[in-house]
Amino acid sequence: MNISFFTPHTPHIKHAFKTGLAAVLAYIAADICHLKFGYWAALSAVIVMQINVADSIKMCWYRFSGTAIGAFIGILCILIFPQTPYMTMLGLFISVGFCAYMTRYNNRYKMAAITTTIVTLASLGEPNRIEYGLFRVLEIGIGVICAFMTSITIWPMRASDTLKEELFNQFEECADNYETLMDGFLDKQSSLIPSALESFNSRLTQNREIYSKVIRHERFIYLEDTQLLGMKVELLEKCASHLRAMLHALNYVHGEGYDIIMENELRNLATVTAKAMRAIGSKKIPNEASLHDALVASQKRLEELRNEGATRRFYLQKIIQFFAFYHSAQFICEDLLRYTRERKKITAKSTGN
């Protein structure tokens, strides 16, 4: 039996503990406030509690704001429509229909539709229907607050930490893919399967979504260098785009391959570039001088070969293939250089140097 599954370090075990705790706290808080239906508080806490902090904050706001809107609409129905079966059904139809229509603008109206239904129907026969509706909002609010406090104070699992871990792995994979492409190109243009980058590219699609959660929700609670995080996300997207161009260039021309005269310069460029990618993923600043020197050396060598007329003996398709591949590798190095210089400026500014 794998005992590690039961350790508190497992995210889902943490989530289970926190959700149970939030539900208990919400129910206790509602009981202390002498609220009649404390289970609404516990239920709300369970609904809004998510694995990471950003999603919990989003759900808390969705639940509370939707409840407030729904309660307001429900109270309007109570004031406008008499407490008769036909008028109650008419008020329910109009209020729920309005909320359903408003979901085209904001999803919180789904919650509003639920709340207005509760306020309108559950309060039937109560001596003070408006007070009944307000107490339901209070119960739900208590549940939301308990879930929020539990999420940010006990084992907070932040979306930014998830993104950092993903970026570390993706930069490592990016470096591996880059080296594989360069090796294939220098080995007489050994083609790779067209889907060689699919797994890597598919993992990049969620980065923007996670980063958006950090920007919209977590940065107001935790200190986080969102600028640097955004720079890494953007840089990885650029590198992925260039890798796709390199793969296309590698597989574009068929037939007999050829030896690359400037193999040494390209291998050095690949080594330095891959090392810089791994450094960025490991939260380190790449060696700017190494990147600059490798880029200049390859450009200088290419210029020498062109001046010597060494490229004239190749077919046009082969020349196009070489320059398409080389320029993509060059663009990656230039992007890494820009990132490195910008990162140094940010570091210097934060330290006051």
Protein backbone atom coordinates (compact mmCIF):
# COMPACT_ATOMS: atom_id res chain seq x y z
CA MET A 1 0.00 0.00 0.00
CA ASN A 2 1.37 3.42 -0.94
CA ILE A 3 1.45 5.36 2.33
CA SER A 4 2.61 8.57 0.63
CA PHE A 5 -0.95 9.02 -0.69
CA PHE A 6 -2.04 9.87 2.85
CA THR A 7 0.62 12.48 3.56
CA PRO A 8 -0.54 16.08 4.09
CA HIS A 9 1.67 17.13 1.18
CA THR A 10 -0.77 15.72 -1.34
CA PRO A 11 -2.77 18.62 -2.82
CA HIS A 12 -6.07 16.77 -2.82
CA ILE A 13 -5.61 15.64 0.78
CA LYS A 14 -5.00 19.28 1.72
CA HIS A 15 -8.06 20.33 -0.23
CA ALA A 16 -10.20 17.70 1.49
CA PHE A 17 -9.05 18.83 4.93
CA LYS A 18 -9.57 22.51 4.15
CA THR A 19 -13.01 21.98 2.65
CA GLY A 20 -14.17 19.98 5.66
CA LEU A 21 -12.75 22.58 8.02
CA ALA A 22 -14.38 25.47 6.13
CA ALA A 23 -17.77 23.72 6.27
CA VAL A 24 -17.47 23.14 10.03
CA LEU A 25 -16.33 26.71 10.71
CA ALA A 26 -19.17 28.12 8.62
CA TYR A 27 -21.76 26.05 10.46
CA ILE A 28 -20.33 27.01 13.87
CA ALA A 29 -20.25 30.69 12.89
CA ALA A 30 -23.88 30.55 11.73
CA ASP A 31 -24.86 28.82 14.97
CA ILE A 32 -23.09 31.48 17.06
CA CYS A 33 -25.05 34.13 15.15
CA HIS A 34 -28.27 32.21 15.96
CA LEU A 35 -29.13 31.79 12.29
CA LYS A 36 -31.96 29.36 11.69
CA PHE A 37 -30.59 27.63 8.59
CA GLY A 38 -26.88 27.27 9.29
CA TYR A 39 -26.57 24.53 6.71
CA TRP A 40 -26.70 27.21 4.01
CA ALA A 41 -23.43 28.60 5.39
CA ALA A 42 -21.78 25.16 5.40
CA LEU A 43 -23.10 24.41 1.91
CA SER A 44 -21.77 27.71 0.55
CA ALA A 45 -18.33 27.03 2.04
CA VAL A 46 -18.21 23.65 0.30
CA ILE A 47 -19.32 25.13 -3.04
CA VAL A 48 -16.75 27.94 -3.19
CA MET A 49 -13.74 26.04 -1.82
CA GLN A 50 -11.34 25.20 -4.67
CA ILE A 51 -7.90 23.59 -4.75
CA ASN A 52 -5.92 26.77 -5.45
CA VAL A 53 -6.37 30.21 -3.93
CA ALA A 54 -7.16 32.01 -7.20
CA ASP A 55 -10.06 29.71 -8.03
CA SER A 56 -11.37 29.95 -4.46
CA ILE A 57 -11.34 33.75 -4.59
CA LYS A 58 -13.10 33.67 -7.95
CA MET A 59 -15.79 31.32 -6.63
CA CYS A 60 -16.20 33.34 -3.42
CA TRP A 61 -16.88 36.50 -5.39
CA TYR A 62 -19.14 34.65 -7.83
CA ARG A 63 -21.16 33.08 -5.02
CA PHE A 64 -21.47 36.18 -2.84
CA SER A 65 -22.15 38.72 -5.59
CA GLY A 66 -24.61 36.39 -7.31
CA THR A 67 -26.38 35.79 -4.01
CA ALA A 68 -26.63 39.51 -3.28
CA ILE A 69 -28.08 40.24 -6.71
CA GLY A 70 -30.50 37.32 -6.46
CA ALA A 71 -31.63 38.37 -2.99
CA PHE A 72 -32.27 41.91 -4.19
CA ILE A 73 -34.35 40.65 -7.12
CA GLY A 74 -36.19 38.21 -4.84
CA ILE A 75 -37.06 40.98 -2.37
CA LEU A 76 -38.37 43.11 -5.25
CA CYS A 77 -40.63 40.21 -6.24
CA ILE A 78 -41.90 39.95 -2.65
CA LEU A 79 -42.68 43.69 -2.58
CA ILE A 80 -44.25 43.84 -6.04
CA PHE A 81 -46.23 40.59 -6.33
CA PRO A 82 -48.88 39.64 -3.77
CA GLN A 83 -48.49 36.31 -1.95
CA THR A 84 -50.99 34.40 -4.06
CA PRO A 85 -50.22 31.26 -6.09
CA TYR A 86 -50.63 32.94 -9.47
CA MET A 87 -48.75 36.11 -8.56
CA THR A 88 -45.96 34.12 -6.92
CA MET A 89 -45.52 32.00 -10.07
CA LEU A 90 -45.56 35.14 -12.22
CA GLY A 91 -42.93 36.80 -10.05
CA LEU A 92 -40.80 33.66 -10.13
CA PHE A 93 -41.10 33.42 -13.90
CA ILE A 94 -40.07 37.05 -14.46
CA SER A 95 -37.22 37.10 -11.95
CA VAL A 96 -35.66 33.78 -12.97
CA GLY A 97 -36.16 34.55 -16.65
CA PHE A 98 -34.43 37.90 -16.20
CA CYS A 99 -31.47 36.28 -14.42
CA ALA A 100 -31.20 33.60 -17.11
CA TYR A 101 -31.12 36.27 -19.81
CA MET A 102 -28.48 38.28 -17.95
CA THR A 103 -26.08 35.30 -17.97
CA ARG A 104 -25.15 36.46 -21.47
CA TYR A 105 -23.30 39.29 -19.74
CA ASN A 106 -22.12 37.64 -16.53
CA ASN A 107 -22.25 34.07 -15.19
CA ARG A 108 -22.95 35.28 -11.65
CA TYR A 109 -26.61 35.61 -12.68
CA LYS A 110 -26.79 31.80 -12.58
CA MET A 111 -26.25 32.10 -8.84
CA ALA A 112 -28.66 35.01 -8.75
CA ALA A 113 -31.38 32.85 -10.33
CA ILE A 114 -30.90 30.20 -7.64
CA THR A 115 -31.02 32.76 -4.84
CA THR A 116 -34.08 34.59 -6.09
CA THR A 117 -35.86 31.23 -6.34
CA ILE A 118 -34.94 30.43 -2.73
CA VAL A 119 -35.95 33.87 -1.44
CA THR A 120 -39.23 33.89 -3.37
CA LEU A 121 -40.42 30.36 -2.62
CA ALA A 122 -38.80 29.38 0.68
CA SER A 123 -40.15 32.53 2.33
CA LEU A 124 -43.78 31.71 1.52
CA GLY A 125 -45.80 31.65 4.71
CA GLU A 126 -43.08 33.39 6.73
CA PRO A 127 -44.28 36.38 8.80
CA ASN A 128 -41.46 38.59 7.50
CA ARG A 129 -40.43 37.43 4.05
CA ILE A 130 -37.90 40.21 3.45
CA GLU A 131 -36.09 39.48 6.69
CA TYR A 132 -36.09 35.80 5.75
CA GLY A 133 -34.33 36.60 2.46
CA LEU A 134 -31.73 38.83 4.11
CA PHE A 135 -30.87 36.12 6.63
CA ARG A 136 -30.28 33.66 3.79
CA VAL A 137 -27.81 36.13 2.27
CA LEU A 138 -26.11 36.45 5.64
CA GLU A 139 -25.78 32.68 5.97
CA ILE A 140 -24.29 32.35 2.52
CA GLY A 141 -21.96 35.29 3.22
CA ILE A 142 -20.68 33.58 6.37
CA GLY A 143 -19.94 30.44 4.37
CA VAL A 144 -18.08 32.42 1.73
CA ILE A 145 -15.99 34.28 4.33
CA CYS A 146 -15.05 31.05 6.13
CA ALA A 147 -14.02 29.41 2.85
CA PHE A 148 -12.02 32.48 1.84
CA MET A 149 -10.12 32.69 5.12
CA THR A 150 -9.44 28.95 5.15
CA SER A 151 -8.18 29.04 1.56
CA ILE A 152 -5.66 31.87 2.06
CA THR A 153 -4.41 30.97 5.56
CA ILE A 154 -4.17 27.18 5.71
CA TRP A 155 -1.84 25.46 3.22
CA PRO A 156 -2.52 28.09 0.56
CA MET A 157 -1.97 26.50 -2.83
CA ARG A 158 -1.37 29.46 -5.08
CA ALA A 159 -1.89 29.51 -8.83
CA SER A 160 1.40 31.41 -9.15
CA ASP A 161 3.28 28.49 -7.58
CA THR A 162 1.60 26.10 -9.99
CA LEU A 163 2.58 28.33 -12.91
CA LYS A 164 6.19 28.57 -11.73
CA GLU A 165 6.46 24.81 -11.52
CA GLU A 166 4.93 24.45 -14.98
CA LEU A 167 7.33 27.02 -16.42
CA PHE A 168 10.31 25.21 -14.88
CA ASN A 169 9.28 21.96 -16.56
CA GLN A 170 8.36 23.63 -19.84
CA PHE A 171 11.62 25.56 -20.18
CA GLU A 172 13.45 22.29 -19.54
CA GLU A 173 11.38 20.59 -22.23
CA CYS A 174 11.87 23.56 -24.54
CA ALA A 175 15.64 23.22 -24.19
CA ASP A 176 15.43 19.48 -24.90
CA ASN A 177 13.33 20.10 -28.02
CA TYR A 178 15.71 22.80 -29.21
CA GLU A 179 18.72 20.50 -28.86
CA THR A 180 16.89 17.68 -30.62
CA LEU A 181 16.01 19.93 -33.54
CA MET A 182 19.55 21.27 -33.81
CA ASP A 183 21.01 17.76 -33.68
CA GLY A 184 18.66 16.65 -36.42
CA PHE A 185 19.55 19.66 -38.55
CA LEU A 186 23.30 19.19 -38.18
CA ASP A 187 22.99 15.45 -38.83
CA LYS A 188 22.38 16.08 -42.52
CA GLN A 189 18.88 17.40 -41.86
CA SER A 190 17.40 14.24 -40.34
CA SER A 191 13.69 14.95 -40.31
CA LEU A 192 11.49 14.48 -37.25
CA ILE A 193 7.86 13.45 -37.07
CA PRO A 194 5.56 16.47 -37.63
CA SER A 195 3.92 15.91 -34.24
CA ALA A 196 7.25 16.07 -32.36
CA LEU A 197 6.25 19.30 -30.59
CA GLU A 198 2.55 18.60 -30.04
CA SER A 199 2.92 17.47 -26.43
CA PHE A 200 5.04 20.51 -25.60
CA ASN A 201 2.73 22.97 -27.36
CA SER A 202 -0.38 21.55 -25.73
CA ARG A 203 1.06 22.24 -22.28
CA LEU A 204 1.58 25.92 -23.09
CA THR A 205 -2.09 26.68 -23.66
CA GLN A 206 -2.92 26.75 -19.95
CA ASN A 207 -0.13 29.15 -18.97
CA ARG A 208 -2.06 32.25 -20.02
CA GLU A 209 -5.16 31.06 -18.17
CA ILE A 210 -3.23 30.46 -14.95
CA TYR A 211 -1.39 33.76 -15.31
CA SER A 212 -4.72 35.54 -15.75
CA LYS A 213 -5.90 34.04 -12.45
CA VAL A 214 -2.79 35.35 -10.72
CA ILE A 215 -3.33 38.85 -12.13
CA ARG A 216 -7.05 39.00 -11.40
CA HIS A 217 -7.16 37.42 -7.97
CA GLU A 218 -3.94 36.50 -6.17
CA ARG A 219 -1.85 39.63 -6.66
CA PHE A 220 -4.18 41.58 -4.35
CA ILE A 221 -3.43 39.22 -1.47
CA TYR A 222 0.14 38.03 -2.00
CA LEU A 223 3.29 39.83 -3.02
CA GLU A 224 4.21 38.46 -6.42
CA ASP A 225 6.42 39.72 -9.24
CA THR A 226 3.72 39.40 -11.87
CA GLN A 227 5.79 41.35 -14.41
CA LEU A 228 8.58 38.77 -14.33
CA LEU A 229 6.08 35.92 -14.41
CA GLY A 230 4.41 37.45 -17.45
CA MET A 231 7.77 37.90 -19.16
CA LYS A 232 8.51 34.20 -18.74
CA VAL A 233 5.12 33.19 -20.12
CA GLU A 234 5.59 35.44 -23.16
CA LEU A 235 9.18 34.30 -23.73
CA LEU A 236 8.18 30.64 -23.67
CA GLU A 237 5.41 31.33 -26.18
CA LYS A 238 7.93 33.01 -28.52
CA CYS A 239 10.39 30.14 -28.15
CA ALA A 240 7.63 27.64 -28.93
CA SER A 241 6.71 29.59 -32.06
CA HIS A 242 10.32 29.56 -33.26
CA LEU A 243 10.64 25.84 -32.50
CA ARG A 244 7.64 25.16 -34.71
CA ALA A 245 9.30 27.13 -37.50
CA MET A 246 12.53 25.16 -37.02
CA LEU A 247 10.66 21.86 -37.20
CA HIS A 248 8.87 22.97 -40.36
CA ALA A 249 12.16 24.04 -41.97
CA LEU A 250 13.81 20.77 -40.97
CA ASN A 251 11.04 18.70 -42.60
CA TYR A 252 10.36 21.02 -45.51
CA VAL A 253 13.00 19.82 -47.97
CA HIS A 254 13.35 16.13 -48.78
CA GLY A 255 16.20 14.33 -50.44
CA GLU A 256 19.85 13.99 -49.62
CA GLY A 257 21.08 16.13 -46.75
CA TYR A 258 24.32 18.05 -46.55
CA ASP A 259 26.99 18.87 -44.01
CA ILE A 260 26.79 22.26 -42.34
CA ILE A 261 30.07 24.13 -42.69
CA MET A 262 29.41 26.27 -39.63
CA GLU A 263 28.50 23.28 -37.47
CA ASN A 264 30.78 24.33 -34.61
CA GLU A 265 29.19 27.76 -34.34
CA LEU A 266 25.66 26.33 -34.42
CA ARG A 267 26.46 23.69 -31.81
CA ASN A 268 27.87 26.36 -29.55
CA LEU A 269 24.78 28.51 -30.16
CA ALA A 270 22.56 25.55 -29.28
CA THR A 271 24.51 24.75 -26.12
CA VAL A 272 24.42 28.32 -24.86
CA THR A 273 20.75 28.80 -25.81
CA ALA A 274 19.59 25.59 -24.13
CA LYS A 275 21.58 26.47 -21.02
CA ALA A 276 19.90 29.89 -20.91
CA MET A 277 16.44 28.30 -21.20
CA ARG A 278 17.14 25.99 -18.28
CA ALA A 279 18.50 28.90 -16.25
CA ILE A 280 15.31 30.90 -16.77
CA GLY A 281 13.19 27.94 -15.73
CA SER A 282 15.32 27.62 -12.58
CA LYS A 283 14.72 31.29 -11.68
CA LYS A 284 18.28 32.26 -12.61
CA ILE A 285 19.52 34.99 -14.91
CA PRO A 286 21.21 33.59 -18.06
CA ASN A 287 24.76 34.54 -18.92
CA GLU A 288 24.29 37.54 -21.19
CA ALA A 289 27.88 37.51 -22.44
CA SER A 290 27.69 33.85 -23.50
CA LEU A 291 24.46 34.44 -25.42
CA HIS A 292 25.82 37.55 -27.08
CA ASP A 293 29.15 35.93 -28.03
CA ALA A 294 27.52 32.79 -29.44
CA LEU A 295 25.10 34.86 -31.50
CA VAL A 296 27.81 37.17 -32.83
CA ALA A 297 30.10 34.23 -33.63
CA SER A 298 27.43 32.49 -35.70
CA GLN A 299 26.51 35.69 -37.52
CA LYS A 300 30.15 36.49 -38.21
CA ARG A 301 30.86 32.98 -39.52
CA LEU A 302 27.82 33.08 -41.79
CA GLU A 303 28.89 36.45 -43.16
CA GLU A 304 32.35 35.07 -43.91
CA LEU A 305 30.92 32.07 -45.77
CA ARG A 306 28.62 34.26 -47.81
CA ASN A 307 31.48 36.60 -48.74
CA GLU A 308 33.56 33.57 -49.78
CA GLY A 309 30.71 32.38 -52.00
CA ALA A 310 30.43 29.05 -50.14
CA THR A 311 26.64 29.05 -50.43
CA ARG A 312 26.55 29.25 -54.22
CA ARG A 313 27.00 25.53 -54.72
CA PHE A 314 23.75 24.66 -52.93
CA TYR A 315 20.33 24.37 -54.50
CA LEU A 316 17.94 27.21 -53.78
CA GLN A 317 15.64 24.97 -51.71
CA LYS A 318 18.56 23.92 -49.53
CA ILE A 319 19.57 27.55 -49.03
CA ILE A 320 16.00 28.50 -48.06
CA GLN A 321 15.88 25.57 -45.65
CA PHE A 322 19.13 26.57 -43.99
CA PHE A 323 18.23 30.23 -43.54
CA ALA A 324 14.71 29.44 -42.31
CA PHE A 325 16.13 27.13 -39.66
CA TYR A 326 19.05 29.35 -38.75
CA HIS A 327 17.00 32.54 -38.43
CA SER A 328 14.53 30.82 -36.08
CA ALA A 329 17.45 29.71 -33.90
CA GLN A 330 18.83 33.25 -34.09
CA PHE A 331 15.49 34.78 -33.06
CA ILE A 332 15.34 32.49 -30.01
CA CYS A 333 18.77 33.65 -28.90
CA GLU A 334 17.83 37.29 -29.45
CA ASP A 335 14.62 36.84 -27.42
CA LEU A 336 16.62 35.26 -24.60
CA LEU A 337 19.06 38.17 -24.72
CA ARG A 338 16.23 40.71 -24.46
CA TYR A 339 14.75 38.83 -21.54
CA THR A 340 18.14 38.67 -19.80
CA ARG A 341 18.74 42.39 -20.16
CA GLU A 342 15.23 43.28 -19.01
CA ARG A 343 15.54 40.90 -16.08
CA LYS A 344 18.79 42.59 -15.03
CA LYS A 345 17.11 46.00 -15.16
CA ILE A 346 14.26 44.76 -12.97
CA THR A 347 16.68 43.22 -10.48
CA ALA A 348 18.79 46.38 -10.36
CA LYS A 349 15.70 48.53 -9.86
CA SER A 350 14.37 46.33 -7.03
CA THR A 351 17.72 46.41 -5.23
CA GLY A 352 18.16 50.13 -5.77
CA ASN A 353 21.38 49.75 -7.74
